[in-house]
Amino acid sequence: MSESEKLKLLEEAMEMDEGSLKPELVLDEIEEYDSLTKLAIIVLIEDEFGKKLSASDFKGFTTVADILSVMEA
């Protein structure tokens, strides 16, 4: 899966317009990035990539690129 496809999945999970996310964006600066979004991303990564993440895993994430890095098949 390409980076742009992963970004589209994240944008859908975060209910953002297509093309809104860039890998270098800082998560805390994204208005839509909240606890419900984190849960949606956890489900997305488990369903699409078969990886289990916990809410505490997100403490180490600072940028969109950090989330993309765990979205490997």
PDB file of N, CA and C in Angstrom:
ATOM      1  N   MET A   1       0.849  -1.175   0.000  1.00  0.00           N
ATOM      2  CA  MET A   1       0.000   0.000   0.000  1.00  0.00           C
ATOM      3  C   MET A   1       0.893   1.237   0.000  1.00  0.00           C
ATOM      4  N   SER A   2       0.555   2.177  -0.841  1.00  0.00           N
ATOM      5  CA  SER A   2       1.377   3.386  -0.957  1.00  0.00           C
ATOM      6  C   SER A   2       1.105   4.359   0.197  1.00  0.00           C
ATOM      7  N   GLU A   3       2.013   5.300   0.358  1.00  0.00           N
ATOM      8  CA  GLU A   3       1.855   6.306   1.408  1.00  0.00           C
ATOM      9  C   GLU A   3       0.575   7.114   1.187  1.00  0.00           C
ATOM     10  N   SER A   4       0.272   7.448  -0.056  1.00  0.00           N
ATOM     11  CA  SER A   4      -0.927   8.242  -0.323  1.00  0.00           C
ATOM     12  C   SER A   4      -2.198   7.454   0.023  1.00  0.00           C
ATOM     13  N   GLU A   5      -2.184   6.152  -0.188  1.00  0.00           N
ATOM     14  CA  GLU A   5      -3.340   5.323   0.187  1.00  0.00           C
ATOM     15  C   GLU A   5      -3.497   5.265   1.706  1.00  0.00           C
ATOM     16  N   LYS A   6      -2.379   5.179   2.414  1.00  0.00           N
ATOM     17  CA  LYS A   6      -2.427   5.184   3.875  1.00  0.00           C
ATOM     18  C   LYS A   6      -2.947   6.520   4.394  1.00  0.00           C
ATOM     19  N   LEU A   7      -2.493   7.607   3.773  1.00  0.00           N
ATOM     20  CA  LEU A   7      -2.965   8.933   4.180  1.00  0.00           C
ATOM     21  C   LEU A   7      -4.471   9.056   3.962  1.00  0.00           C
ATOM     22  N   LYS A   8      -4.970   8.502   2.861  1.00  0.00           N
ATOM     23  CA  LYS A   8      -6.418   8.536   2.596  1.00  0.00           C
ATOM     24  C   LYS A   8      -7.183   7.778   3.678  1.00  0.00           C
ATOM     25  N   LEU A   9      -6.666   6.630   4.100  1.00  0.00           N
ATOM     26  CA  LEU A   9      -7.306   5.872   5.174  1.00  0.00           C
ATOM     27  C   LEU A   9      -7.341   6.681   6.471  1.00  0.00           C
ATOM     28  N   LEU A  10      -6.234   7.337   6.788  1.00  0.00           N
ATOM     29  CA  LEU A  10      -6.189   8.167   7.993  1.00  0.00           C
ATOM     30  C   LEU A  10      -7.148   9.343   7.890  1.00  0.00           C
ATOM     31  N   GLU A  11      -7.210   9.963   6.727  1.00  0.00           N
ATOM     32  CA  GLU A  11      -8.130  11.090   6.531  1.00  0.00           C
ATOM     33  C   GLU A  11      -9.576  10.651   6.718  1.00  0.00           C
ATOM     34  N   GLU A  12      -9.910   9.471   6.238  1.00  0.00           N
ATOM     35  CA  GLU A  12     -11.263   8.942   6.434  1.00  0.00           C
ATOM     36  C   GLU A  12     -11.530   8.694   7.918  1.00  0.00           C
ATOM     37  N   ALA A  13     -10.577   8.098   8.604  1.00  0.00           N
ATOM     38  CA  ALA A  13     -10.733   7.812  10.033  1.00  0.00           C
ATOM     39  C   ALA A  13     -10.865   9.099  10.847  1.00  0.00           C
ATOM     40  N   MET A  14     -10.190  10.155  10.401  1.00  0.00           N
ATOM     41  CA  MET A  14     -10.202  11.431  11.117  1.00  0.00           C
ATOM     42  C   MET A  14     -11.278  12.380  10.584  1.00  0.00           C
ATOM     43  N   GLU A  15     -12.044  11.890   9.601  1.00  0.00           N
ATOM     44  CA  GLU A  15     -13.098  12.686   8.978  1.00  0.00           C
ATOM     45  C   GLU A  15     -12.561  14.019   8.467  1.00  0.00           C
ATOM     46  N   MET A  16     -11.464  13.933   7.723  1.00  0.00           N
ATOM     47  CA  MET A  16     -10.824  15.114   7.136  1.00  0.00           C
ATOM     48  C   MET A  16     -10.956  15.044   5.620  1.00  0.00           C
ATOM     49  N   ASP A  17     -10.821  16.199   4.987  1.00  0.00           N
ATOM     50  CA  ASP A  17     -10.862  16.253   3.531  1.00  0.00           C
ATOM     51  C   ASP A  17      -9.651  15.547   2.946  1.00  0.00           C
ATOM     52  N   GLU A  18      -9.855  14.918   1.800  1.00  0.00           N
ATOM     53  CA  GLU A  18      -8.762  14.248   1.112  1.00  0.00           C
ATOM     54  C   GLU A  18      -7.668  15.254   0.780  1.00  0.00           C
ATOM     55  N   GLY A  19      -6.428  14.874   1.033  1.00  0.00           N
ATOM     56  CA  GLY A  19      -5.283  15.748   0.770  1.00  0.00           C
ATOM     57  C   GLY A  19      -4.925  16.652   1.937  1.00  0.00           C
ATOM     58  N   SER A  20      -5.641  16.519   3.054  1.00  0.00           N
ATOM     59  CA  SER A  20      -5.398  17.381   4.223  1.00  0.00           C
ATOM     60  C   SER A  20      -4.162  16.979   5.015  1.00  0.00           C
ATOM     61  N   LEU A  21      -3.871  15.686   5.050  1.00  0.00           N
ATOM     62  CA  LEU A  21      -2.763  15.200   5.873  1.00  0.00           C
ATOM     63  C   LEU A  21      -1.463  15.097   5.086  1.00  0.00           C
ATOM     64  N   LYS A  22      -0.391  15.442   5.761  1.00  0.00           N
ATOM     65  CA  LYS A  22       0.962  15.289   5.238  1.00  0.00           C
ATOM     66  C   LYS A  22       1.778  14.598   6.328  1.00  0.00           C
ATOM     67  N   PRO A  23       2.746  13.768   5.944  1.00  0.00           N
ATOM     68  CA  PRO A  23       3.523  13.029   6.953  1.00  0.00           C
ATOM     69  C   PRO A  23       4.179  13.912   8.015  1.00  0.00           C
ATOM     70  N   GLU A  24       4.576  15.111   7.655  1.00  0.00           N
ATOM     71  CA  GLU A  24       5.314  15.966   8.583  1.00  0.00           C
ATOM     72  C   GLU A  24       4.417  16.723   9.569  1.00  0.00           C
ATOM     73  N   LEU A  25       3.101  16.630   9.423  1.00  0.00           N
ATOM     74  CA  LEU A  25       2.206  17.346  10.335  1.00  0.00           C
ATOM     75  C   LEU A  25       2.323  16.806  11.754  1.00  0.00           C
ATOM     76  N   VAL A  26       2.349  17.728  12.717  1.00  0.00           N
ATOM     77  CA  VAL A  26       2.398  17.369  14.137  1.00  0.00           C
ATOM     78  C   VAL A  26       0.973  17.050  14.586  1.00  0.00           C
ATOM     79  N   LEU A  27       0.794  15.887  15.182  1.00  0.00           N
ATOM     80  CA  LEU A  27      -0.539  15.413  15.547  1.00  0.00           C
ATOM     81  C   LEU A  27      -1.279  16.366  16.474  1.00  0.00           C
ATOM     82  N   ASP A  28      -0.601  16.925  17.467  1.00  0.00           N
ATOM     83  CA  ASP A  28      -1.253  17.821  18.422  1.00  0.00           C
ATOM     84  C   ASP A  28      -1.740  19.118  17.783  1.00  0.00           C
ATOM     85  N   GLU A  29      -1.286  19.413  16.576  1.00  0.00           N
ATOM     86  CA  GLU A  29      -1.710  20.617  15.874  1.00  0.00           C
ATOM     87  C   GLU A  29      -2.893  20.355  14.939  1.00  0.00           C
ATOM     88  N   ILE A  30      -3.354  19.101  14.877  1.00  0.00           N
ATOM     89  CA  ILE A  30      -4.486  18.737  14.028  1.00  0.00           C
ATOM     90  C   ILE A  30      -5.742  18.756  14.890  1.00  0.00           C
ATOM     91  N   GLU A  31      -6.660  19.644  14.549  1.00  0.00           N
ATOM     92  CA  GLU A  31      -7.879  19.828  15.344  1.00  0.00           C
ATOM     93  C   GLU A  31      -8.675  18.535  15.500  1.00  0.00           C
ATOM     94  N   GLU A  32      -8.733  17.730  14.456  1.00  0.00           N
ATOM     95  CA  GLU A  32      -9.525  16.500  14.473  1.00  0.00           C
ATOM     96  C   GLU A  32      -8.883  15.353  15.247  1.00  0.00           C
ATOM     97  N   TYR A  33      -7.645  15.511  15.669  1.00  0.00           N
ATOM     98  CA  TYR A  33      -6.922  14.446  16.365  1.00  0.00           C
ATOM     99  C   TYR A  33      -7.294  14.467  17.844  1.00  0.00           C
ATOM    100  N   ASP A  34      -8.225  13.596  18.222  1.00  0.00           N
ATOM    101  CA  ASP A  34      -8.680  13.517  19.605  1.00  0.00           C
ATOM    102  C   ASP A  34      -8.805  12.052  20.009  1.00  0.00           C
ATOM    103  N   SER A  35      -9.355  11.807  21.186  1.00  0.00           N
ATOM    104  CA  SER A  35      -9.422  10.433  21.693  1.00  0.00           C
ATOM    105  C   SER A  35     -10.291   9.533  20.814  1.00  0.00           C
ATOM    106  N   LEU A  36     -11.378  10.056  20.271  1.00  0.00           N
ATOM    107  CA  LEU A  36     -12.220   9.246  19.382  1.00  0.00           C
ATOM    108  C   LEU A  36     -11.486   8.907  18.093  1.00  0.00           C
ATOM    109  N   THR A  37     -10.716   9.843  17.601  1.00  0.00           N
ATOM    110  CA  THR A  37      -9.930   9.597  16.394  1.00  0.00           C
ATOM    111  C   THR A  37      -8.872   8.539  16.659  1.00  0.00           C
ATOM    112  N   LYS A  38      -8.259   8.586  17.815  1.00  0.00           N
ATOM    113  CA  LYS A  38      -7.259   7.579  18.167  1.00  0.00           C
ATOM    114  C   LYS A  38      -7.878   6.190  18.157  1.00  0.00           C
ATOM    115  N   LEU A  39      -9.095   6.073  18.709  1.00  0.00           N
ATOM    116  CA  LEU A  39      -9.784   4.780  18.696  1.00  0.00           C
ATOM    117  C   LEU A  39     -10.074   4.327  17.267  1.00  0.00           C
ATOM    118  N   ALA A  40     -10.497   5.256  16.417  1.00  0.00           N
ATOM    119  CA  ALA A  40     -10.781   4.923  15.023  1.00  0.00           C
ATOM    120  C   ALA A  40      -9.511   4.448  14.318  1.00  0.00           C
ATOM    121  N   ILE A  41      -8.379   5.069  14.631  1.00  0.00           N
ATOM    122  CA  ILE A  41      -7.108   4.683  14.015  1.00  0.00           C
ATOM    123  C   ILE A  41      -6.667   3.307  14.530  1.00  0.00           C
ATOM    124  N   ILE A  42      -6.899   3.033  15.816  1.00  0.00           N
ATOM    125  CA  ILE A  42      -6.573   1.719  16.374  1.00  0.00           C
ATOM    126  C   ILE A  42      -7.340   0.632  15.624  1.00  0.00           C
ATOM    127  N   VAL A  43      -8.635   0.853  15.424  1.00  0.00           N
ATOM    128  CA  VAL A  43      -9.475  -0.115  14.710  1.00  0.00           C
ATOM    129  C   VAL A  43      -9.013  -0.245  13.258  1.00  0.00           C
ATOM    130  N   LEU A  44      -8.726   0.868  12.622  1.00  0.00           N
ATOM    131  CA  LEU A  44      -8.259   0.867  11.233  1.00  0.00           C
ATOM    132  C   LEU A  44      -6.993   0.025  11.081  1.00  0.00           C
ATOM    133  N   ILE A  45      -6.016   0.255  11.945  1.00  0.00           N
ATOM    134  CA  ILE A  45      -4.740  -0.451  11.844  1.00  0.00           C
ATOM    135  C   ILE A  45      -4.926  -1.943  12.120  1.00  0.00           C
ATOM    136  N   GLU A  46      -5.796  -2.263  13.055  1.00  0.00           N
ATOM    137  CA  GLU A  46      -6.050  -3.682  13.341  1.00  0.00           C
ATOM    138  C   GLU A  46      -6.764  -4.351  12.163  1.00  0.00           C
ATOM    139  N   ASP A  47      -7.785  -3.686  11.619  1.00  0.00           N
ATOM    140  CA  ASP A  47      -8.558  -4.264  10.514  1.00  0.00           C
ATOM    141  C   ASP A  47      -7.760  -4.359   9.214  1.00  0.00           C
ATOM    142  N   GLU A  48      -7.035  -3.304   8.884  1.00  0.00           N
ATOM    143  CA  GLU A  48      -6.337  -3.238   7.597  1.00  0.00           C
ATOM    144  C   GLU A  48      -4.963  -3.901   7.603  1.00  0.00           C
ATOM    145  N   PHE A  49      -4.288  -3.853   8.767  1.00  0.00           N
ATOM    146  CA  PHE A  49      -2.899  -4.308   8.814  1.00  0.00           C
ATOM    147  C   PHE A  49      -2.651  -5.432   9.811  1.00  0.00           C
ATOM    148  N   GLY A  50      -3.686  -5.824  10.556  1.00  0.00           N
ATOM    149  CA  GLY A  50      -3.557  -6.931  11.494  1.00  0.00           C
ATOM    150  C   GLY A  50      -2.651  -6.653  12.677  1.00  0.00           C
ATOM    151  N   LYS A  51      -2.477  -5.382  13.021  1.00  0.00           N
ATOM    152  CA  LYS A  51      -1.628  -5.017  14.158  1.00  0.00           C
ATOM    153  C   LYS A  51      -2.497  -4.466  15.271  1.00  0.00           C
ATOM    154  N   LYS A  52      -2.142  -4.839  16.491  1.00  0.00           N
ATOM    155  CA  LYS A  52      -2.888  -4.346  17.646  1.00  0.00           C
ATOM    156  C   LYS A  52      -2.101  -3.216  18.300  1.00  0.00           C
ATOM    157  N   LEU A  53      -2.775  -2.084  18.432  1.00  0.00           N
ATOM    158  CA  LEU A  53      -2.196  -0.933  19.125  1.00  0.00           C
ATOM    159  C   LEU A  53      -3.081  -0.615  20.313  1.00  0.00           C
ATOM    160  N   SER A  54      -2.486  -0.050  21.332  1.00  0.00           N
ATOM    161  CA  SER A  54      -3.270   0.407  22.475  1.00  0.00           C
ATOM    162  C   SER A  54      -3.243   1.929  22.490  1.00  0.00           C
ATOM    163  N   ALA A  55      -4.106   2.503  23.286  1.00  0.00           N
ATOM    164  CA  ALA A  55      -4.128   3.961  23.404  1.00  0.00           C
ATOM    165  C   ALA A  55      -2.773   4.474  23.887  1.00  0.00           C
ATOM    166  N   SER A  56      -2.095   3.700  24.725  1.00  0.00           N
ATOM    167  CA  SER A  56      -0.788   4.140  25.236  1.00  0.00           C
ATOM    168  C   SER A  56       0.276   4.161  24.146  1.00  0.00           C
ATOM    169  N   ASP A  57       0.090   3.367  23.080  1.00  0.00           N
ATOM    170  CA  ASP A  57       1.036   3.400  21.960  1.00  0.00           C
ATOM    171  C   ASP A  57       1.088   4.787  21.318  1.00  0.00           C
ATOM    172  N   PHE A  58      -0.016   5.510  21.401  1.00  0.00           N
ATOM    173  CA  PHE A  58      -0.096   6.817  20.764  1.00  0.00           C
ATOM    174  C   PHE A  58       0.735   7.874  21.490  1.00  0.00           C
ATOM    175  N   LYS A  59       1.128   7.599  22.713  1.00  0.00           N
ATOM    176  CA  LYS A  59       1.935   8.570  23.459  1.00  0.00           C
ATOM    177  C   LYS A  59       3.271   8.830  22.777  1.00  0.00           C
ATOM    178  N   GLY A  60       3.781   7.853  22.063  1.00  0.00           N
ATOM    179  CA  GLY A  60       5.057   8.017  21.369  1.00  0.00           C
ATOM    180  C   GLY A  60       4.931   8.645  19.993  1.00  0.00           C
ATOM    181  N   PHE A  61       3.714   8.832  19.516  1.00  0.00           N
ATOM    182  CA  PHE A  61       3.500   9.409  18.190  1.00  0.00           C
ATOM    183  C   PHE A  61       3.472  10.933  18.274  1.00  0.00           C
ATOM    184  N   THR A  62       4.272  11.577  17.446  1.00  0.00           N
ATOM    185  CA  THR A  62       4.246  13.042  17.414  1.00  0.00           C
ATOM    186  C   THR A  62       3.816  13.577  16.052  1.00  0.00           C
ATOM    187  N   THR A  63       4.057  12.807  14.990  1.00  0.00           N
ATOM    188  CA  THR A  63       3.694  13.262  13.654  1.00  0.00           C
ATOM    189  C   THR A  63       2.857  12.201  12.939  1.00  0.00           C
ATOM    190  N   VAL A  64       2.246  12.602  11.846  1.00  0.00           N
ATOM    191  CA  VAL A  64       1.495  11.666  11.014  1.00  0.00           C
ATOM    192  C   VAL A  64       2.418  10.543  10.536  1.00  0.00           C
ATOM    193  N   ALA A  65       3.666  10.876  10.261  1.00  0.00           N
ATOM    194  CA  ALA A  65       4.646   9.879   9.806  1.00  0.00           C
ATOM    195  C   ALA A  65       4.817   8.756  10.828  1.00  0.00           C
ATOM    196  N   ASP A  66       4.696   9.073  12.118  1.00  0.00           N
ATOM    197  CA  ASP A  66       4.809   8.039  13.152  1.00  0.00           C
ATOM    198  C   ASP A  66       3.689   7.009  13.012  1.00  0.00           C
ATOM    199  N   ILE A  67       2.486   7.482  12.696  1.00  0.00           N
ATOM    200  CA  ILE A  67       1.370   6.555  12.493  1.00  0.00           C
ATOM    201  C   ILE A  67       1.596   5.760  11.201  1.00  0.00           C
ATOM    202  N   LEU A  68       2.032   6.443  10.156  1.00  0.00           N
ATOM    203  CA  LEU A  68       2.280   5.761   8.887  1.00  0.00           C
ATOM    204  C   LEU A  68       3.287   4.642   9.048  1.00  0.00           C
ATOM    205  N   SER A  69       4.273   4.834   9.923  1.00  0.00           N
ATOM    206  CA  SER A  69       5.333   3.829  10.106  1.00  0.00           C
ATOM    207  C   SER A  69       4.808   2.507  10.655  1.00  0.00           C
ATOM    208  N   VAL A  70       3.711   2.540  11.407  1.00  0.00           N
ATOM    209  CA  VAL A  70       3.150   1.294  11.933  1.00  0.00           C
ATOM    210  C   VAL A  70       2.125   0.686  10.974  1.00  0.00           C
ATOM    211  N   MET A  71       1.820   1.401   9.924  1.00  0.00           N
ATOM    212  CA  MET A  71       0.846   0.931   8.937  1.00  0.00           C
ATOM    213  C   MET A  71       1.519   0.124   7.822  1.00  0.00           C
ATOM    214  N   GLU A  72       2.366  -0.802   8.234  1.00  0.00           N
ATOM    215  CA  GLU A  72       3.026  -1.681   7.287  1.00  0.00           C
ATOM    216  C   GLU A  72       2.355  -3.037   7.344  1.00  0.00           C
ATOM    217  N   ALA A  73       2.137  -3.613   6.193  1.00  0.00           N
ATOM    218  CA  ALA A  73       1.468  -4.923   6.126  1.00  0.00           C
ATOM    219  C   ALA A  73       2.382  -6.023   6.625  1.00  0.00           C
TER     220      ALA A  73
END
